[in-house]
Every structure is written in structure tokens, then in C-alpha cells.
Amino acid sequence: MVVGEAMAKNMVFRERLPGVLRDDGWRLILGRVVGSEPGDAMEHTQRTKYYDRFDPRARYTYEACTTSERMSFPKPGFGMGYGGMFLDSEDRALTGDRSYVINVPAKPPVKLFWAVTVYDVDTRGLITTDQQRAERGSVHEGVKTNPDGSTPVFIGPKAPKGWENNWIKSVPGRAWFPYFRFYGPTEPFFDQSWELPQIKEVDFNDFS
């Protein structure tokens, strides 16, 4: 069991399948990059003509537990697009002891809204803290944007002064990973003309 879980974690956090990594480095949780094969979502099965694709089957069922057609195969303006990132810009695991920022560029390609949701690596459930929230996005009251239209989302054990509404509290000693959700993704999501930046470790004092 220990070895099996280690293998599943490696499949989740060290992606090697073609067709699921976007140009910006974020991994599609389901679906495929347009124009690439094989991708990660396959209708009803991971079986191909000559073999079964066990890696995506094992990885997704470790990482999450449900799906739907519109999660796996969104269309412009309909369904949901999911991006995941499991390392910071220095290729290190994301840890609750450090402070990070995801600086979401202006005009995210969504018809409805976008959100960053933080999960615990070991449970794959929502991160649990006394803050009692694990998500920040365009529909949350008080979230601020920069003059250029970008929206920083901060994850760390302590809040950056003045940016508390943009902050998700992390737990020292526990690792985490985010999903970036596009609700009603529009064409720039599919053609990748809009890109998400890497997750950067920062000093929150620089934002105070």
C-alpha cells in the first residue's frame, strides 16, 4: 500500500504524460491541450487500441474522485477548465511553511468566473485552517486587483498586510497544491493565448 501510494503521488506531482501540460507549465487536470494527443481525459475509458493507460487512471482516482463530460471536455463558454500546479518556480514542492503568490493576469478567459482552490497533498481535500476558507477568486467579496488588472492570490502561513482578502492560509509542516478553475472557459483558454504565471515564493512584506 505504501509503495502504491508513493507511485500515485509521483504520477500526480511529477507529470510525464504528453498532451496535458500547457505552454505555461500548468497541467490540465482533465482534458487535453488542443491539437495534442493523447491527453488525460478519455470518454468512458482509458483503453486504447493496443493498451490501457493506467497512469492517468491511477493518478486521477488518487487525486480526485468524480468527473463529468463538461469537466473533461469543455467547450468555449461552457463547462469548466481545470489547471493544476504542483511545484513552485524553482521546481520545489509547495509547502505550508513558505509564502507564495499566484499573480493572475488581467482578463482571465472565463464567461462566468475563476477561482484558485488550495488542497492538502496527503488528504487531497480542501486545506483546513482556522481561516475556514480554501479559495479566492473573482466572485469573492473584497478581493483586490493591481492597477494593471492582475489579481494576486497569496498562499502562506501569515497574511500580507492590506491583502488579507486575497490570502489563503497555509499550514506549516503540510504540503499543498492548487487548482485554477475556469468556469465557462473562453477561446484564450483553449488556444493558450492567455497564460498563468508560475507560483513564486515571495516575501509578503514586499506587498504591504
N, C-alpha and C. Protein backbone atom coordinates (compact mmCIF):
# COMPACT_ATOMS: atom_id res chain seq x y z
N MET A 1 0.82 -1.20 0.00
CA MET A 1 0.00 0.00 0.00
C MET A 1 0.87 1.27 0.00
N VAL A 2 1.92 1.27 0.80
CA VAL A 2 2.80 2.45 0.87
C VAL A 2 3.45 2.71 -0.48
N VAL A 3 3.92 1.64 -1.11
CA VAL A 3 4.56 1.79 -2.42
C VAL A 3 3.54 2.26 -3.46
N GLY A 4 2.33 1.71 -3.41
CA GLY A 4 1.30 2.12 -4.35
C GLY A 4 0.93 3.58 -4.21
N GLU A 5 0.82 4.05 -2.98
CA GLU A 5 0.51 5.46 -2.77
C GLU A 5 1.65 6.34 -3.25
N ALA A 6 2.89 5.92 -3.00
CA ALA A 6 4.04 6.69 -3.48
C ALA A 6 4.05 6.78 -5.00
N MET A 7 3.68 5.68 -5.66
CA MET A 7 3.62 5.69 -7.12
C MET A 7 2.52 6.64 -7.60
N ALA A 8 1.36 6.62 -6.95
CA ALA A 8 0.26 7.50 -7.35
C ALA A 8 0.65 8.96 -7.14
N LYS A 9 1.28 9.26 -6.02
CA LYS A 9 1.73 10.64 -5.78
C LYS A 9 2.71 11.09 -6.85
N ASN A 10 3.62 10.22 -7.21
CA ASN A 10 4.59 10.57 -8.24
C ASN A 10 3.90 10.87 -9.57
N MET A 11 2.86 10.11 -9.90
CA MET A 11 2.11 10.37 -11.13
C MET A 11 1.41 11.71 -11.07
N VAL A 12 0.92 12.08 -9.89
CA VAL A 12 0.22 13.37 -9.73
C VAL A 12 1.20 14.52 -9.80
N PHE A 13 2.27 14.44 -9.04
CA PHE A 13 3.11 15.61 -8.82
C PHE A 13 4.33 15.70 -9.74
N ARG A 14 4.59 14.66 -10.51
CA ARG A 14 5.69 14.68 -11.48
C ARG A 14 5.16 14.23 -12.83
N GLU A 15 4.39 15.07 -13.46
CA GLU A 15 3.68 14.73 -14.69
C GLU A 15 4.63 14.30 -15.81
N ARG A 16 4.27 13.23 -16.51
CA ARG A 16 5.10 12.77 -17.61
C ARG A 16 4.29 12.45 -18.87
N LEU A 17 2.96 12.49 -18.78
CA LEU A 17 2.16 12.17 -19.95
C LEU A 17 2.14 13.32 -20.94
N PRO A 18 2.18 13.01 -22.23
CA PRO A 18 2.05 14.07 -23.23
C PRO A 18 0.61 14.54 -23.34
N GLY A 19 0.44 15.77 -23.80
CA GLY A 19 -0.89 16.26 -24.10
C GLY A 19 -1.63 16.90 -22.96
N VAL A 20 -1.04 16.96 -21.75
CA VAL A 20 -1.76 17.55 -20.62
C VAL A 20 -1.06 18.77 -20.04
N LEU A 21 0.17 19.04 -20.41
CA LEU A 21 0.88 20.21 -19.91
C LEU A 21 0.69 21.38 -20.86
N ARG A 22 0.20 22.49 -20.33
CA ARG A 22 0.04 23.70 -21.12
C ARG A 22 1.40 24.37 -21.33
N ASP A 23 1.44 25.30 -22.27
CA ASP A 23 2.69 26.02 -22.54
C ASP A 23 3.18 26.78 -21.32
N ASP A 24 2.25 27.22 -20.45
CA ASP A 24 2.64 27.98 -19.27
C ASP A 24 3.08 27.09 -18.11
N GLY A 25 3.07 25.76 -18.32
CA GLY A 25 3.54 24.84 -17.29
C GLY A 25 2.46 24.29 -16.38
N TRP A 26 1.24 24.85 -16.44
CA TRP A 26 0.14 24.31 -15.65
C TRP A 26 -0.37 23.05 -16.33
N ARG A 27 -0.79 22.11 -15.53
CA ARG A 27 -1.26 20.83 -16.04
C ARG A 27 -2.78 20.81 -16.08
N LEU A 28 -3.34 20.42 -17.22
CA LEU A 28 -4.78 20.22 -17.29
C LEU A 28 -5.15 19.03 -16.42
N ILE A 29 -6.05 19.24 -15.48
CA ILE A 29 -6.45 18.15 -14.60
C ILE A 29 -7.23 17.10 -15.37
N LEU A 30 -8.07 17.55 -16.26
CA LEU A 30 -8.78 16.68 -17.19
C LEU A 30 -8.71 17.32 -18.57
N GLY A 31 -8.94 16.53 -19.59
CA GLY A 31 -8.92 17.07 -20.93
C GLY A 31 -7.55 16.94 -21.57
N ARG A 32 -7.35 17.70 -22.63
CA ARG A 32 -6.08 17.67 -23.33
C ARG A 32 -5.82 19.04 -23.93
N VAL A 33 -4.57 19.35 -24.14
CA VAL A 33 -4.21 20.56 -24.85
C VAL A 33 -4.66 20.41 -26.30
N VAL A 34 -5.35 21.42 -26.80
CA VAL A 34 -5.89 21.34 -28.16
C VAL A 34 -4.78 21.05 -29.16
N GLY A 35 -5.00 20.09 -30.03
CA GLY A 35 -4.02 19.72 -31.05
C GLY A 35 -3.02 18.69 -30.62
N SER A 36 -3.11 18.22 -29.38
CA SER A 36 -2.16 17.23 -28.87
C SER A 36 -2.88 15.93 -28.51
N GLU A 37 -2.12 14.89 -28.44
CA GLU A 37 -2.64 13.58 -28.06
C GLU A 37 -1.64 12.93 -27.12
N PRO A 38 -2.05 12.05 -26.24
CA PRO A 38 -3.42 11.58 -26.10
C PRO A 38 -4.25 12.41 -25.13
N GLY A 39 -3.62 13.26 -24.33
CA GLY A 39 -4.39 13.97 -23.32
C GLY A 39 -4.71 13.07 -22.15
N ASP A 40 -5.47 13.61 -21.21
CA ASP A 40 -5.72 12.89 -19.96
C ASP A 40 -7.15 12.39 -19.85
N ALA A 41 -8.09 13.05 -20.51
CA ALA A 41 -9.48 12.63 -20.41
C ALA A 41 -9.84 11.79 -21.63
N MET A 42 -10.42 10.64 -21.38
CA MET A 42 -10.86 9.79 -22.48
C MET A 42 -12.30 9.39 -22.18
N GLU A 43 -13.12 9.42 -23.18
CA GLU A 43 -14.53 9.18 -22.96
C GLU A 43 -14.77 7.74 -22.52
N HIS A 44 -15.24 7.58 -21.28
CA HIS A 44 -15.66 6.30 -20.69
C HIS A 44 -14.51 5.37 -20.31
N THR A 45 -13.32 5.53 -20.87
CA THR A 45 -12.28 4.52 -20.63
C THR A 45 -10.90 5.11 -20.88
N GLN A 46 -9.90 4.50 -20.29
CA GLN A 46 -8.50 4.81 -20.61
C GLN A 46 -7.91 3.75 -21.53
N ARG A 47 -8.74 2.98 -22.17
CA ARG A 47 -8.28 1.91 -23.04
C ARG A 47 -8.03 2.45 -24.45
N THR A 48 -6.88 2.12 -25.00
CA THR A 48 -6.57 2.47 -26.38
C THR A 48 -6.61 1.18 -27.21
N LYS A 49 -6.23 1.28 -28.45
CA LYS A 49 -6.31 0.11 -29.34
C LYS A 49 -5.41 -1.02 -28.87
N TYR A 50 -4.21 -0.64 -28.34
CA TYR A 50 -3.23 -1.68 -28.02
C TYR A 50 -2.91 -1.81 -26.53
N TYR A 51 -3.36 -0.90 -25.72
CA TYR A 51 -3.01 -0.97 -24.30
C TYR A 51 -3.96 -0.11 -23.47
N ASP A 52 -3.94 -0.33 -22.16
CA ASP A 52 -4.68 0.50 -21.22
C ASP A 52 -3.74 1.53 -20.63
N ARG A 53 -4.22 2.74 -20.45
CA ARG A 53 -3.39 3.82 -19.91
C ARG A 53 -3.61 3.89 -18.40
N PHE A 54 -2.81 3.13 -17.66
CA PHE A 54 -3.00 3.02 -16.23
C PHE A 54 -2.56 4.28 -15.48
N ASP A 55 -1.56 4.98 -16.00
CA ASP A 55 -1.07 6.16 -15.29
C ASP A 55 -2.17 7.19 -15.05
N PRO A 56 -2.89 7.65 -16.08
CA PRO A 56 -3.93 8.64 -15.80
C PRO A 56 -5.07 8.09 -14.97
N ARG A 57 -5.37 6.80 -15.12
CA ARG A 57 -6.44 6.21 -14.31
C ARG A 57 -6.05 6.21 -12.84
N ALA A 58 -4.84 5.75 -12.54
CA ALA A 58 -4.39 5.71 -11.15
C ALA A 58 -4.22 7.11 -10.59
N ARG A 59 -3.67 8.01 -11.40
CA ARG A 59 -3.40 9.35 -10.91
C ARG A 59 -4.68 10.09 -10.57
N TYR A 60 -5.64 10.09 -11.49
CA TYR A 60 -6.83 10.88 -11.23
C TYR A 60 -7.65 10.32 -10.08
N THR A 61 -7.74 8.99 -9.97
CA THR A 61 -8.52 8.44 -8.87
C THR A 61 -7.83 8.62 -7.53
N TYR A 62 -6.52 8.87 -7.54
CA TYR A 62 -5.83 9.24 -6.29
C TYR A 62 -6.06 10.71 -5.99
N GLU A 63 -6.03 11.51 -7.02
CA GLU A 63 -6.09 12.96 -6.86
C GLU A 63 -7.51 13.47 -6.61
N ALA A 64 -8.49 12.86 -7.22
CA ALA A 64 -9.87 13.31 -7.13
C ALA A 64 -10.80 12.11 -7.24
N CYS A 65 -12.11 12.34 -7.22
CA CYS A 65 -13.00 11.18 -7.15
C CYS A 65 -14.22 11.28 -8.05
N THR A 66 -14.34 12.32 -8.84
CA THR A 66 -15.51 12.40 -9.71
C THR A 66 -15.18 13.21 -10.95
N THR A 67 -16.02 13.08 -11.95
CA THR A 67 -15.82 13.83 -13.18
C THR A 67 -17.16 13.94 -13.89
N SER A 68 -17.17 14.69 -14.96
CA SER A 68 -18.36 14.81 -15.80
C SER A 68 -17.91 15.17 -17.21
N GLU A 69 -18.81 15.08 -18.16
CA GLU A 69 -18.45 15.36 -19.55
C GLU A 69 -17.95 16.79 -19.71
N ARG A 70 -18.59 17.74 -19.05
CA ARG A 70 -18.21 19.14 -19.22
C ARG A 70 -16.95 19.50 -18.43
N MET A 71 -16.57 18.68 -17.45
CA MET A 71 -15.27 18.86 -16.81
C MET A 71 -14.16 18.33 -17.70
N SER A 72 -14.43 17.21 -18.36
CA SER A 72 -13.41 16.56 -19.17
C SER A 72 -13.30 17.16 -20.56
N PHE A 73 -14.44 17.58 -21.11
CA PHE A 73 -14.47 18.07 -22.48
C PHE A 73 -15.24 19.40 -22.55
N PRO A 74 -14.69 20.46 -21.94
CA PRO A 74 -15.38 21.75 -22.02
C PRO A 74 -15.38 22.29 -23.44
N LYS A 75 -16.30 23.19 -23.71
CA LYS A 75 -16.34 23.90 -24.99
C LYS A 75 -16.33 25.39 -24.69
N PRO A 76 -15.90 26.22 -25.63
CA PRO A 76 -15.85 27.67 -25.37
C PRO A 76 -17.18 28.19 -24.82
N GLY A 77 -17.10 28.76 -23.62
CA GLY A 77 -18.27 29.32 -22.97
C GLY A 77 -19.07 28.34 -22.14
N PHE A 78 -18.72 27.05 -22.19
CA PHE A 78 -19.49 26.04 -21.49
C PHE A 78 -18.56 25.09 -20.74
N GLY A 79 -19.02 24.63 -19.58
CA GLY A 79 -18.26 23.67 -18.81
C GLY A 79 -17.18 24.34 -17.96
N MET A 80 -16.17 23.55 -17.59
CA MET A 80 -15.13 24.00 -16.68
C MET A 80 -13.76 23.54 -17.17
N GLY A 81 -12.79 24.43 -17.08
CA GLY A 81 -11.41 24.08 -17.33
C GLY A 81 -10.65 24.07 -16.02
N TYR A 82 -9.80 23.08 -15.83
CA TYR A 82 -9.05 22.94 -14.58
C TYR A 82 -7.56 22.91 -14.86
N GLY A 83 -6.82 23.77 -14.18
CA GLY A 83 -5.37 23.73 -14.24
C GLY A 83 -4.79 23.43 -12.87
N GLY A 84 -3.75 22.63 -12.82
CA GLY A 84 -3.08 22.31 -11.56
C GLY A 84 -1.60 22.63 -11.64
N MET A 85 -1.02 23.00 -10.51
CA MET A 85 0.41 23.26 -10.42
C MET A 85 0.91 22.65 -9.13
N PHE A 86 2.04 21.92 -9.20
CA PHE A 86 2.47 21.15 -8.06
C PHE A 86 3.88 21.49 -7.58
N LEU A 87 4.53 22.42 -8.26
CA LEU A 87 5.86 22.89 -7.89
C LEU A 87 5.90 24.40 -8.01
N ASP A 88 6.84 25.04 -7.30
CA ASP A 88 6.98 26.48 -7.45
C ASP A 88 7.92 26.79 -8.62
N SER A 89 8.19 28.07 -8.82
CA SER A 89 9.00 28.49 -9.97
C SER A 89 10.44 28.02 -9.87
N GLU A 90 10.86 27.55 -8.69
CA GLU A 90 12.21 26.99 -8.50
C GLU A 90 12.19 25.47 -8.53
N ASP A 91 11.07 24.89 -8.98
CA ASP A 91 10.94 23.44 -9.12
C ASP A 91 10.94 22.72 -7.77
N ARG A 92 10.40 23.40 -6.75
CA ARG A 92 10.33 22.82 -5.40
C ARG A 92 8.88 22.55 -5.04
N ALA A 93 8.67 21.56 -4.18
CA ALA A 93 7.32 21.27 -3.71
C ALA A 93 6.76 22.46 -2.94
N LEU A 94 5.46 22.62 -2.98
CA LEU A 94 4.78 23.72 -2.30
C LEU A 94 4.54 23.33 -0.85
N THR A 95 5.02 24.13 0.07
CA THR A 95 4.95 23.79 1.48
C THR A 95 4.27 24.89 2.28
N GLY A 96 3.57 24.49 3.32
CA GLY A 96 2.84 25.44 4.15
C GLY A 96 3.69 26.36 4.98
N ASP A 97 4.99 26.13 5.03
CA ASP A 97 5.89 27.00 5.80
C ASP A 97 6.29 28.25 5.04
N ARG A 98 6.16 28.22 3.71
CA ARG A 98 6.62 29.33 2.88
C ARG A 98 5.44 30.18 2.41
N SER A 99 5.77 31.35 1.88
CA SER A 99 4.76 32.28 1.39
C SER A 99 4.88 32.41 -0.13
N TYR A 100 3.75 32.34 -0.81
CA TYR A 100 3.74 32.32 -2.28
C TYR A 100 2.69 33.29 -2.83
N VAL A 101 2.86 33.60 -4.11
CA VAL A 101 1.85 34.37 -4.82
C VAL A 101 1.61 33.75 -6.20
N ILE A 102 0.34 33.71 -6.59
CA ILE A 102 -0.06 33.43 -7.97
C ILE A 102 -0.63 34.75 -8.50
N ASN A 103 0.08 35.39 -9.38
CA ASN A 103 -0.38 36.69 -9.89
C ASN A 103 -1.20 36.46 -11.16
N VAL A 104 -2.50 36.39 -10.98
CA VAL A 104 -3.41 36.08 -12.08
C VAL A 104 -3.49 37.26 -13.03
N PRO A 105 -3.09 37.09 -14.29
CA PRO A 105 -3.10 38.21 -15.24
C PRO A 105 -4.51 38.75 -15.47
N ALA A 106 -4.57 39.95 -16.02
CA ALA A 106 -5.84 40.59 -16.32
C ALA A 106 -6.64 39.78 -17.33
N LYS A 107 -7.94 39.96 -17.26
CA LYS A 107 -8.89 39.38 -18.22
C LYS A 107 -8.76 37.86 -18.35
N PRO A 108 -8.91 37.13 -17.24
CA PRO A 108 -8.92 35.66 -17.35
C PRO A 108 -10.00 35.22 -18.33
N PRO A 109 -9.73 34.19 -19.12
CA PRO A 109 -10.65 33.77 -20.17
C PRO A 109 -11.82 32.96 -19.64
N VAL A 110 -12.77 33.64 -19.01
CA VAL A 110 -13.93 32.96 -18.45
C VAL A 110 -15.19 33.75 -18.77
N LYS A 111 -16.25 33.01 -19.01
CA LYS A 111 -17.55 33.63 -19.23
C LYS A 111 -18.25 33.88 -17.90
N LEU A 112 -17.96 33.05 -16.90
CA LEU A 112 -18.62 33.16 -15.61
C LEU A 112 -17.66 33.71 -14.55
N PHE A 113 -16.75 32.87 -14.05
CA PHE A 113 -15.80 33.34 -13.03
C PHE A 113 -14.62 32.39 -12.96
N TRP A 114 -13.58 32.82 -12.21
CA TRP A 114 -12.41 31.99 -12.00
C TRP A 114 -12.15 31.89 -10.51
N ALA A 115 -11.38 30.88 -10.11
CA ALA A 115 -11.06 30.70 -8.69
C ALA A 115 -9.79 29.86 -8.54
N VAL A 116 -9.02 30.17 -7.49
CA VAL A 116 -7.89 29.36 -7.06
C VAL A 116 -8.31 28.62 -5.80
N THR A 117 -8.21 27.29 -5.82
CA THR A 117 -8.60 26.47 -4.68
C THR A 117 -7.38 25.67 -4.22
N VAL A 118 -7.15 25.64 -2.91
CA VAL A 118 -5.97 25.00 -2.35
C VAL A 118 -6.35 23.70 -1.64
N TYR A 119 -5.58 22.65 -1.94
CA TYR A 119 -5.82 21.32 -1.38
C TYR A 119 -4.60 20.82 -0.60
N ASP A 120 -4.86 19.97 0.38
CA ASP A 120 -3.81 19.31 1.15
C ASP A 120 -3.29 18.11 0.37
N VAL A 121 -1.98 17.96 0.27
CA VAL A 121 -1.40 16.87 -0.52
C VAL A 121 -1.78 15.49 0.01
N ASP A 122 -1.73 15.31 1.32
CA ASP A 122 -1.95 13.97 1.87
C ASP A 122 -3.42 13.54 1.83
N THR A 123 -4.34 14.49 2.05
CA THR A 123 -5.76 14.13 2.05
C THR A 123 -6.43 14.37 0.71
N ARG A 124 -5.83 15.22 -0.12
CA ARG A 124 -6.42 15.69 -1.37
C ARG A 124 -7.75 16.39 -1.14
N GLY A 125 -8.04 16.71 0.11
CA GLY A 125 -9.21 17.51 0.45
C GLY A 125 -8.84 18.97 0.58
N LEU A 126 -9.83 19.82 0.72
CA LEU A 126 -9.57 21.25 0.90
C LEU A 126 -8.67 21.48 2.10
N ILE A 127 -7.76 22.43 1.97
CA ILE A 127 -6.88 22.78 3.08
C ILE A 127 -7.74 23.25 4.27
N THR A 128 -7.36 22.82 5.47
CA THR A 128 -8.16 23.11 6.66
C THR A 128 -7.35 23.97 7.63
N THR A 129 -7.84 25.18 7.91
CA THR A 129 -7.20 26.08 8.87
C THR A 129 -8.27 26.82 9.65
N ASP A 130 -7.84 27.61 10.64
CA ASP A 130 -8.81 28.41 11.39
C ASP A 130 -9.37 29.56 10.56
N GLN A 131 -8.80 29.80 9.40
CA GLN A 131 -9.34 30.79 8.48
C GLN A 131 -10.65 30.32 7.86
N GLN A 132 -10.80 29.01 7.76
CA GLN A 132 -12.01 28.36 7.27
C GLN A 132 -12.35 28.77 5.83
N ARG A 133 -11.33 28.85 5.00
CA ARG A 133 -11.56 29.01 3.58
C ARG A 133 -10.36 28.46 2.83
N ALA A 134 -10.61 28.00 1.61
CA ALA A 134 -9.55 27.40 0.81
C ALA A 134 -9.56 27.95 -0.61
N GLU A 135 -10.30 29.03 -0.85
CA GLU A 135 -10.47 29.51 -2.21
C GLU A 135 -10.56 31.02 -2.26
N ARG A 136 -9.96 31.59 -3.31
CA ARG A 136 -10.10 33.02 -3.63
C ARG A 136 -10.30 33.13 -5.13
N GLY A 137 -11.13 34.07 -5.54
CA GLY A 137 -11.37 34.24 -6.96
C GLY A 137 -12.19 35.47 -7.27
N SER A 138 -12.67 35.53 -8.48
CA SER A 138 -13.32 36.74 -8.97
C SER A 138 -14.68 36.99 -8.35
N VAL A 139 -15.28 35.99 -7.71
CA VAL A 139 -16.60 36.19 -7.12
C VAL A 139 -16.54 36.46 -5.62
N HIS A 140 -15.33 36.48 -5.04
CA HIS A 140 -15.22 36.66 -3.60
C HIS A 140 -15.13 38.14 -3.24
N GLU A 141 -15.94 38.54 -2.31
CA GLU A 141 -16.03 39.94 -1.91
C GLU A 141 -14.71 40.42 -1.31
N GLY A 142 -14.29 41.61 -1.72
CA GLY A 142 -13.11 42.23 -1.15
C GLY A 142 -11.81 41.91 -1.84
N VAL A 143 -11.81 40.96 -2.78
CA VAL A 143 -10.58 40.62 -3.50
C VAL A 143 -10.14 41.82 -4.34
N LYS A 144 -8.86 42.22 -4.21
CA LYS A 144 -8.35 43.41 -4.88
C LYS A 144 -7.53 43.05 -6.11
N THR A 145 -7.48 43.98 -7.04
CA THR A 145 -6.64 43.82 -8.22
C THR A 145 -5.57 44.90 -8.26
N ASN A 146 -4.52 44.66 -9.00
CA ASN A 146 -3.46 45.65 -9.21
C ASN A 146 -3.90 46.65 -10.28
N PRO A 147 -3.20 47.78 -10.38
CA PRO A 147 -3.54 48.77 -11.42
C PRO A 147 -3.53 48.21 -12.84
N ASP A 148 -2.72 47.18 -13.09
CA ASP A 148 -2.67 46.60 -14.44
C ASP A 148 -3.76 45.56 -14.68
N GLY A 149 -4.63 45.38 -13.71
CA GLY A 149 -5.73 44.44 -13.85
C GLY A 149 -5.43 43.04 -13.36
N SER A 150 -4.19 42.76 -13.00
CA SER A 150 -3.86 41.44 -12.46
C SER A 150 -4.36 41.31 -11.02
N THR A 151 -4.56 40.07 -10.59
CA THR A 151 -5.08 39.80 -9.25
C THR A 151 -4.14 38.83 -8.54
N PRO A 152 -3.41 39.30 -7.53
CA PRO A 152 -2.54 38.38 -6.79
C PRO A 152 -3.34 37.53 -5.81
N VAL A 153 -3.08 36.24 -5.82
CA VAL A 153 -3.63 35.34 -4.82
C VAL A 153 -2.47 34.85 -3.97
N PHE A 154 -2.53 35.12 -2.68
CA PHE A 154 -1.43 34.80 -1.77
C PHE A 154 -1.75 33.53 -0.99
N ILE A 155 -0.75 32.65 -0.85
CA ILE A 155 -0.88 31.46 -0.03
C ILE A 155 0.32 31.42 0.91
N GLY A 156 0.06 31.38 2.20
CA GLY A 156 1.14 31.36 3.18
C GLY A 156 0.60 31.30 4.59
N PRO A 157 1.47 31.10 5.59
CA PRO A 157 1.00 30.96 6.97
C PRO A 157 0.51 32.25 7.59
N LYS A 158 0.98 33.40 7.09
CA LYS A 158 0.54 34.70 7.60
C LYS A 158 0.14 35.59 6.44
N ALA A 159 -0.82 36.47 6.68
CA ALA A 159 -1.37 37.30 5.61
C ALA A 159 -0.45 38.47 5.27
N PRO A 160 -0.40 38.86 4.00
CA PRO A 160 0.28 40.10 3.63
C PRO A 160 -0.60 41.29 4.03
N LYS A 161 -0.02 42.25 4.70
CA LYS A 161 -0.80 43.38 5.21
C LYS A 161 -1.48 44.13 4.08
N GLY A 162 -2.77 44.34 4.23
CA GLY A 162 -3.54 45.05 3.23
C GLY A 162 -4.12 44.17 2.15
N TRP A 163 -3.69 42.90 2.10
CA TRP A 163 -4.16 41.98 1.08
C TRP A 163 -4.85 40.76 1.70
N GLU A 164 -5.40 40.95 2.88
CA GLU A 164 -5.99 39.82 3.60
C GLU A 164 -7.10 39.13 2.80
N ASN A 165 -7.86 39.88 2.02
CA ASN A 165 -8.96 39.28 1.26
C ASN A 165 -8.49 38.47 0.06
N ASN A 166 -7.21 38.63 -0.30
CA ASN A 166 -6.63 37.86 -1.40
C ASN A 166 -5.81 36.67 -0.91
N TRP A 167 -5.89 36.38 0.37
CA TRP A 167 -4.98 35.43 1.02
C TRP A 167 -5.69 34.15 1.43
N ILE A 168 -5.01 33.00 1.19
CA ILE A 168 -5.43 31.70 1.69
C ILE A 168 -4.36 31.21 2.66
N LYS A 169 -4.77 30.89 3.85
CA LYS A 169 -3.82 30.48 4.89
C LYS A 169 -3.35 29.05 4.67
N SER A 170 -2.04 28.84 4.78
CA SER A 170 -1.48 27.50 4.68
C SER A 170 -1.09 26.99 6.06
N VAL A 171 -0.74 25.70 6.12
CA VAL A 171 -0.43 25.06 7.40
C VAL A 171 1.05 24.67 7.41
N PRO A 172 1.86 25.29 8.27
CA PRO A 172 3.26 24.88 8.35
C PRO A 172 3.39 23.39 8.61
N GLY A 173 4.31 22.76 7.88
CA GLY A 173 4.52 21.33 8.03
C GLY A 173 3.68 20.47 7.12
N ARG A 174 2.77 21.10 6.36
CA ARG A 174 1.94 20.33 5.44
C ARG A 174 2.08 20.89 4.03
N ALA A 175 2.16 19.98 3.07
CA ALA A 175 2.28 20.38 1.67
C ALA A 175 0.89 20.63 1.07
N TRP A 176 0.85 21.39 -0.01
CA TRP A 176 -0.43 21.74 -0.64
C TRP A 176 -0.25 21.84 -2.15
N PHE A 177 -1.37 21.90 -2.85
CA PHE A 177 -1.35 22.17 -4.29
C PHE A 177 -2.64 22.91 -4.65
N PRO A 178 -2.60 23.74 -5.71
CA PRO A 178 -3.79 24.48 -6.12
C PRO A 178 -4.41 23.93 -7.41
N TYR A 179 -5.70 24.13 -7.53
CA TYR A 179 -6.39 24.05 -8.81
C TYR A 179 -6.79 25.47 -9.21
N PHE A 180 -6.60 25.78 -10.48
CA PHE A 180 -7.15 27.02 -11.02
C PHE A 180 -8.34 26.64 -11.88
N ARG A 181 -9.52 27.13 -11.50
CA ARG A 181 -10.75 26.76 -12.18
C ARG A 181 -11.22 27.89 -13.11
N PHE A 182 -11.49 27.51 -14.34
CA PHE A 182 -12.07 28.42 -15.33
C PHE A 182 -13.53 28.00 -15.54
N TYR A 183 -14.47 28.79 -15.08
CA TYR A 183 -15.88 28.45 -15.25
C TYR A 183 -16.42 29.15 -16.49
N GLY A 184 -16.82 28.33 -17.46
CA GLY A 184 -17.19 28.89 -18.75
C GLY A 184 -15.97 29.39 -19.50
N PRO A 185 -14.96 28.52 -19.70
CA PRO A 185 -13.72 28.97 -20.34
C PRO A 185 -13.98 29.47 -21.76
N THR A 186 -13.30 30.56 -22.11
CA THR A 186 -13.44 31.13 -23.44
C THR A 186 -12.22 30.77 -24.30
N GLU A 187 -12.22 31.21 -25.53
CA GLU A 187 -11.24 30.74 -26.51
C GLU A 187 -9.78 30.90 -26.06
N PRO A 188 -9.38 32.01 -25.40
CA PRO A 188 -7.97 32.11 -24.99
C PRO A 188 -7.51 31.02 -24.03
N PHE A 189 -8.45 30.36 -23.34
CA PHE A 189 -8.09 29.20 -22.53
C PHE A 189 -7.68 28.04 -23.43
N PHE A 190 -8.39 27.85 -24.51
CA PHE A 190 -8.16 26.71 -25.39
C PHE A 190 -6.94 26.91 -26.29
N ASP A 191 -6.77 28.13 -26.83
CA ASP A 191 -5.63 28.35 -27.71
C ASP A 191 -4.37 28.79 -26.96
N GLN A 192 -4.50 28.92 -25.64
CA GLN A 192 -3.39 29.24 -24.73
C GLN A 192 -2.79 30.63 -24.97
N SER A 193 -3.54 31.52 -25.59
CA SER A 193 -3.05 32.89 -25.76
C SER A 193 -3.05 33.66 -24.43
N TRP A 194 -3.81 33.17 -23.46
CA TRP A 194 -3.76 33.70 -22.09
C TRP A 194 -3.04 32.68 -21.23
N GLU A 195 -2.00 33.11 -20.51
CA GLU A 195 -1.18 32.19 -19.74
C GLU A 195 -1.15 32.56 -18.26
N LEU A 196 -1.12 31.53 -17.42
CA LEU A 196 -0.93 31.70 -15.99
C LEU A 196 0.55 31.70 -15.67
N PRO A 197 0.99 32.55 -14.74
CA PRO A 197 2.39 32.52 -14.35
C PRO A 197 2.68 31.36 -13.40
N GLN A 198 3.95 31.11 -13.17
CA GLN A 198 4.37 30.13 -12.18
C GLN A 198 4.05 30.63 -10.78
N ILE A 199 4.04 29.71 -9.82
CA ILE A 199 3.84 30.08 -8.42
C ILE A 199 5.19 30.47 -7.83
N LYS A 200 5.28 31.67 -7.30
CA LYS A 200 6.56 32.19 -6.82
C LYS A 200 6.58 32.33 -5.30
N GLU A 201 7.68 31.88 -4.70
CA GLU A 201 7.88 32.17 -3.29
C GLU A 201 8.27 33.64 -3.16
N VAL A 202 7.62 34.36 -2.25
CA VAL A 202 7.84 35.79 -2.09
C VAL A 202 7.89 36.15 -0.62
N ASP A 203 8.36 37.36 -0.36
CA ASP A 203 8.29 37.96 0.97
C ASP A 203 7.03 38.83 1.00
N PHE A 204 6.07 38.46 1.81
CA PHE A 204 4.81 39.22 1.84
C PHE A 204 5.02 40.67 2.26
N ASN A 205 6.11 40.99 2.92
CA ASN A 205 6.38 42.36 3.31
C ASN A 205 6.54 43.26 2.08
N ASP A 206 6.91 42.68 0.96
CA ASP A 206 7.06 43.45 -0.28
C ASP A 206 5.72 43.94 -0.81
N PHE A 207 4.63 43.35 -0.33
CA PHE A 207 3.31 43.72 -0.81
C PHE A 207 2.54 44.58 0.19
N SER A 208 3.12 44.85 1.33
CA SER A 208 2.43 45.61 2.37
C SER A 208 2.38 47.09 2.03
